[in-house]
Amino acid sequence: MDYKVLTYLLYLAVTVPLTIFVARTLYGNGKVFLQDVFDGDERLAEAVNRLLVVGFYLLNLGYVALFLKTGNRIAGGQQMLEVLSQRVGIVAIVLGTVHLANVWVFNLLRRRALDAAEIHSPVAAAERTTVVANPWGAPR
C-alpha cells in the first residue's frame, strides 16, 4: 500500500468518527434545548432535532468525501502527516463552523419562541382593564 492510500484511510479514520462525535453531541444537547423552544412538545422537538442532525451528517460527511482527494505527491511519512493534518484541520474548522451555526439556529428558535410566548400570553383576570363609557357618547 502506498502513502497516498494510507493517507486517505487515516483521513477517513479520523474525520468520520469526529463527525459522528460532533453530531451525537449536537443531538444530545439539542434535544433538551429544543424541548424548551417548543414549549415541552417532545415529539416536535425530537423531530426537529433529528432533521437537524441528518442535515449535519449530510453536509459534513459530504464535505469529508469531497475533500478526500489530494493532488499532492506523498512520498514519505512526513508528507503524509502534513497532508493529513492539513485535511483534518480544515474538516475540524468546517465541523466547528457548522456546529456553531446549528447552535445559532437553536438560539434563534428559542428567542422566537420566548418572544411569541410573551406576545400571546393570556392576561390574568385581575390584570384586565375595566371598560369605561364611550367618550363620544355613541352606543357600543
C-alpha atoms as a PDB file:
ATOM      1  CA  MET A   1       0.000   0.000   0.000  1.00  0.00           C
ATOM      2  CA  ASP A   2       1.398   3.389  -0.950  1.00  0.00           C
ATOM      3  CA  TYR A   3       1.454   6.507   1.225  1.00  0.00           C
ATOM      4  CA  LYS A   4      -1.428   8.206  -0.596  1.00  0.00           C
ATOM      5  CA  VAL A   5      -3.836   5.349   0.061  1.00  0.00           C
ATOM      6  CA  LEU A   6      -2.687   5.174   3.686  1.00  0.00           C
ATOM      7  CA  THR A   7      -3.269   8.930   3.995  1.00  0.00           C
ATOM      8  CA  TYR A   8      -6.805   8.523   2.638  1.00  0.00           C
ATOM      9  CA  LEU A   9      -7.562   5.715   5.073  1.00  0.00           C
ATOM     10  CA  LEU A  10      -6.176   7.623   8.040  1.00  0.00           C
ATOM     11  CA  TYR A  11      -8.082  10.733   6.966  1.00  0.00           C
ATOM     12  CA  LEU A  12     -11.345   8.798   6.919  1.00  0.00           C
ATOM     13  CA  ALA A  13     -10.477   7.046  10.192  1.00  0.00           C
ATOM     14  CA  VAL A  14     -10.152  10.435  11.890  1.00  0.00           C
ATOM     15  CA  THR A  15     -12.789  12.608  10.189  1.00  0.00           C
ATOM     16  CA  VAL A  16     -15.748  10.206  10.119  1.00  0.00           C
ATOM     17  CA  PRO A  17     -15.643   9.446  13.880  1.00  0.00           C
ATOM     18  CA  LEU A  18     -15.065  13.149  14.567  1.00  0.00           C
ATOM     19  CA  THR A  19     -18.175  13.994  12.551  1.00  0.00           C
ATOM     20  CA  ILE A  20     -20.176  11.327  14.387  1.00  0.00           C
ATOM     21  CA  PHE A  21     -18.978  12.608  17.771  1.00  0.00           C
ATOM     22  CA  VAL A  22     -19.976  16.200  16.995  1.00  0.00           C
ATOM     23  CA  ALA A  23     -23.360  15.098  15.601  1.00  0.00           C
ATOM     24  CA  ARG A  24     -24.120  12.994  18.692  1.00  0.00           C
ATOM     25  CA  THR A  25     -23.135  15.880  20.941  1.00  0.00           C
ATOM     26  CA  LEU A  26     -25.386  18.207  18.955  1.00  0.00           C
ATOM     27  CA  TYR A  27     -28.229  15.685  19.106  1.00  0.00           C
ATOM     28  CA  GLY A  28     -27.936  15.026  22.847  1.00  0.00           C
ATOM     29  CA  ASN A  29     -27.723  18.647  23.920  1.00  0.00           C
ATOM     30  CA  GLY A  30     -30.061  19.906  21.231  1.00  0.00           C
ATOM     31  CA  LYS A  31     -32.886  17.683  22.467  1.00  0.00           C
ATOM     32  CA  VAL A  32     -33.194  19.495  25.792  1.00  0.00           C
ATOM     33  CA  PHE A  33     -32.821  22.881  24.158  1.00  0.00           C
ATOM     34  CA  LEU A  34     -35.481  22.200  21.524  1.00  0.00           C
ATOM     35  CA  GLN A  35     -37.952  20.944  24.131  1.00  0.00           C
ATOM     36  CA  ASP A  36     -37.670  24.374  25.716  1.00  0.00           C
ATOM     37  CA  VAL A  37     -38.074  26.049  22.326  1.00  0.00           C
ATOM     38  CA  PHE A  38     -41.201  24.053  21.513  1.00  0.00           C
ATOM     39  CA  ASP A  39     -42.760  24.575  24.955  1.00  0.00           C
ATOM     40  CA  GLY A  40     -42.298  20.997  26.115  1.00  0.00           C
ATOM     41  CA  ASP A  41     -43.620  19.333  22.932  1.00  0.00           C
ATOM     42  CA  GLU A  42     -41.278  16.338  22.977  1.00  0.00           C
ATOM     43  CA  ARG A  43     -42.436  14.878  19.645  1.00  0.00           C
ATOM     44  CA  LEU A  44     -41.845  18.112  17.763  1.00  0.00           C
ATOM     45  CA  ALA A  45     -38.520  18.721  19.500  1.00  0.00           C
ATOM     46  CA  GLU A  46     -37.359  15.195  18.654  1.00  0.00           C
ATOM     47  CA  ALA A  47     -38.438  15.511  15.013  1.00  0.00           C
ATOM     48  CA  VAL A  48     -36.675  18.848  14.517  1.00  0.00           C
ATOM     49  CA  ASN A  49     -33.591  17.564  16.326  1.00  0.00           C
ATOM     50  CA  ARG A  50     -33.385  14.506  14.060  1.00  0.00           C
ATOM     51  CA  LEU A  51     -33.809  16.644  10.951  1.00  0.00           C
ATOM     52  CA  LEU A  52     -31.035  18.978  12.048  1.00  0.00           C
ATOM     53  CA  VAL A  53     -28.706  16.059  12.796  1.00  0.00           C
ATOM     54  CA  VAL A  54     -29.435  14.402   9.435  1.00  0.00           C
ATOM     55  CA  GLY A  55     -28.629  17.677   7.697  1.00  0.00           C
ATOM     56  CA  PHE A  56     -25.449  17.963   9.763  1.00  0.00           C
ATOM     57  CA  TYR A  57     -24.379  14.457   8.736  1.00  0.00           C
ATOM     58  CA  LEU A  58     -25.149  15.013   5.065  1.00  0.00           C
ATOM     59  CA  LEU A  59     -23.336  18.316   4.906  1.00  0.00           C
ATOM     60  CA  ASN A  60     -20.250  17.266   6.823  1.00  0.00           C
ATOM     61  CA  LEU A  61     -19.816  13.722   5.510  1.00  0.00           C
ATOM     62  CA  GLY A  62     -20.320  15.087   2.005  1.00  0.00           C
ATOM     63  CA  TYR A  63     -17.602  17.624   2.660  1.00  0.00           C
ATOM     64  CA  VAL A  64     -15.310  14.930   4.086  1.00  0.00           C
ATOM     65  CA  ALA A  65     -15.847  12.818   0.954  1.00  0.00           C
ATOM     66  CA  LEU A  66     -15.266  15.715  -1.446  1.00  0.00           C
ATOM     67  CA  PHE A  67     -12.136  16.778   0.408  1.00  0.00           C
ATOM     68  CA  LEU A  68     -10.610  13.281   0.368  1.00  0.00           C
ATOM     69  CA  LYS A  69      -8.673  13.531  -2.873  1.00  0.00           C
ATOM     70  CA  THR A  70      -5.324  15.270  -2.872  1.00  0.00           C
ATOM     71  CA  GLY A  71      -3.199  16.250  -5.828  1.00  0.00           C
ATOM     72  CA  ASN A  72      -0.075  16.220  -3.710  1.00  0.00           C
ATOM     73  CA  ARG A  73       2.518  13.528  -4.250  1.00  0.00           C
ATOM     74  CA  ILE A  74       3.058  11.746  -0.957  1.00  0.00           C
ATOM     75  CA  ALA A  75       6.467  10.098  -0.901  1.00  0.00           C
ATOM     76  CA  GLY A  76       7.049   9.580   2.818  1.00  0.00           C
ATOM     77  CA  GLY A  77       5.736   9.659   6.338  1.00  0.00           C
ATOM     78  CA  GLN A  78       6.426  13.352   6.856  1.00  0.00           C
ATOM     79  CA  GLN A  79       4.485  14.418   3.770  1.00  0.00           C
ATOM     80  CA  MET A  80       1.703  12.026   4.716  1.00  0.00           C
ATOM     81  CA  LEU A  81       1.346  13.612   8.162  1.00  0.00           C
ATOM     82  CA  GLU A  82       1.497  17.128   6.722  1.00  0.00           C
ATOM     83  CA  VAL A  83      -1.263  16.425   4.196  1.00  0.00           C
ATOM     84  CA  LEU A  84      -3.289  14.542   6.788  1.00  0.00           C
ATOM     85  CA  SER A  85      -3.025  17.302   9.399  1.00  0.00           C
ATOM     86  CA  GLN A  86      -3.989  19.951   6.862  1.00  0.00           C
ATOM     87  CA  ARG A  87      -7.043  17.991   5.711  1.00  0.00           C
ATOM     88  CA  VAL A  88      -8.191  17.048   9.207  1.00  0.00           C
ATOM     89  CA  GLY A  89      -7.643  20.614  10.404  1.00  0.00           C
ATOM     90  CA  ILE A  90      -9.809  22.042   7.661  1.00  0.00           C
ATOM     91  CA  VAL A  91     -12.526  19.459   8.311  1.00  0.00           C
ATOM     92  CA  ALA A  92     -12.404  20.309  12.043  1.00  0.00           C
ATOM     93  CA  ILE A  93     -12.829  24.004  11.240  1.00  0.00           C
ATOM     94  CA  VAL A  94     -15.785  23.241   8.960  1.00  0.00           C
ATOM     95  CA  LEU A  95     -17.333  20.968  11.620  1.00  0.00           C
ATOM     96  CA  GLY A  96     -16.920  23.677  14.233  1.00  0.00           C
ATOM     97  CA  THR A  97     -18.440  26.291  11.953  1.00  0.00           C
ATOM     98  CA  VAL A  98     -21.454  24.127  11.112  1.00  0.00           C
ATOM     99  CA  HIS A  99     -21.865  23.213  14.782  1.00  0.00           C
ATOM    100  CA  LEU A 100     -21.847  26.893  15.777  1.00  0.00           C
ATOM    101  CA  ALA A 101     -24.361  27.599  13.017  1.00  0.00           C
ATOM    102  CA  ASN A 102     -26.635  24.899  14.473  1.00  0.00           C
ATOM    103  CA  VAL A 103     -26.311  26.393  17.947  1.00  0.00           C
ATOM    104  CA  TRP A 104     -27.129  29.808  16.483  1.00  0.00           C
ATOM    105  CA  VAL A 105     -30.253  28.347  14.825  1.00  0.00           C
ATOM    106  CA  PHE A 106     -31.262  26.740  18.143  1.00  0.00           C
ATOM    107  CA  ASN A 107     -30.830  30.081  19.872  1.00  0.00           C
ATOM    108  CA  LEU A 108     -32.798  31.881  17.182  1.00  0.00           C
ATOM    109  CA  LEU A 109     -35.641  29.373  17.515  1.00  0.00           C
ATOM    110  CA  ARG A 110     -35.597  29.735  21.293  1.00  0.00           C
ATOM    111  CA  ARG A 111     -35.684  33.534  21.142  1.00  0.00           C
ATOM    112  CA  ARG A 112     -38.620  33.470  18.736  1.00  0.00           C
ATOM    113  CA  ALA A 113     -40.464  31.023  20.971  1.00  0.00           C
ATOM    114  CA  LEU A 114     -39.861  33.205  24.023  1.00  0.00           C
ATOM    115  CA  ASP A 115     -40.936  36.334  22.144  1.00  0.00           C
ATOM    116  CA  ALA A 116     -44.089  34.589  20.919  1.00  0.00           C
ATOM    117  CA  ALA A 117     -44.878  33.426  24.447  1.00  0.00           C
ATOM    118  CA  GLU A 118     -44.622  37.000  25.718  1.00  0.00           C
ATOM    119  CA  ILE A 119     -46.824  38.402  22.952  1.00  0.00           C
ATOM    120  CA  HIS A 120     -49.518  35.717  23.139  1.00  0.00           C
ATOM    121  CA  SER A 121     -49.559  35.129  26.868  1.00  0.00           C
ATOM    122  CA  PRO A 122     -53.018  35.431  28.370  1.00  0.00           C
ATOM    123  CA  VAL A 123     -53.657  38.296  30.746  1.00  0.00           C
ATOM    124  CA  ALA A 124     -54.754  37.284  34.239  1.00  0.00           C
ATOM    125  CA  ALA A 125     -58.295  38.324  35.182  1.00  0.00           C
ATOM    126  CA  ALA A 126     -57.009  40.569  37.958  1.00  0.00           C
ATOM    127  CA  GLU A 127     -54.906  42.486  35.471  1.00  0.00           C
ATOM    128  CA  ARG A 128     -57.686  43.224  32.976  1.00  0.00           C
ATOM    129  CA  THR A 129     -58.680  46.799  32.452  1.00  0.00           C
ATOM    130  CA  THR A 130     -62.156  47.951  33.217  1.00  0.00           C
ATOM    131  CA  VAL A 131     -64.421  49.124  30.451  1.00  0.00           C
ATOM    132  CA  VAL A 132     -65.134  52.829  30.527  1.00  0.00           C
ATOM    133  CA  ALA A 133     -68.011  54.664  28.929  1.00  0.00           C
ATOM    134  CA  ASN A 134     -67.515  55.693  25.332  1.00  0.00           C
ATOM    135  CA  PRO A 135     -66.141  59.255  25.457  1.00  0.00           C
ATOM    136  CA  TRP A 136     -68.096  60.214  22.327  1.00  0.00           C
ATOM    137  CA  GLY A 137     -71.423  59.137  23.758  1.00  0.00           C
ATOM    138  CA  ALA A 138     -72.309  56.725  20.951  1.00  0.00           C
ATOM    139  CA  PRO A 139     -73.672  53.328  21.967  1.00  0.00           C
ATOM    140  CA  ARG A 140     -71.355  50.353  21.615  1.00  0.00           C
END
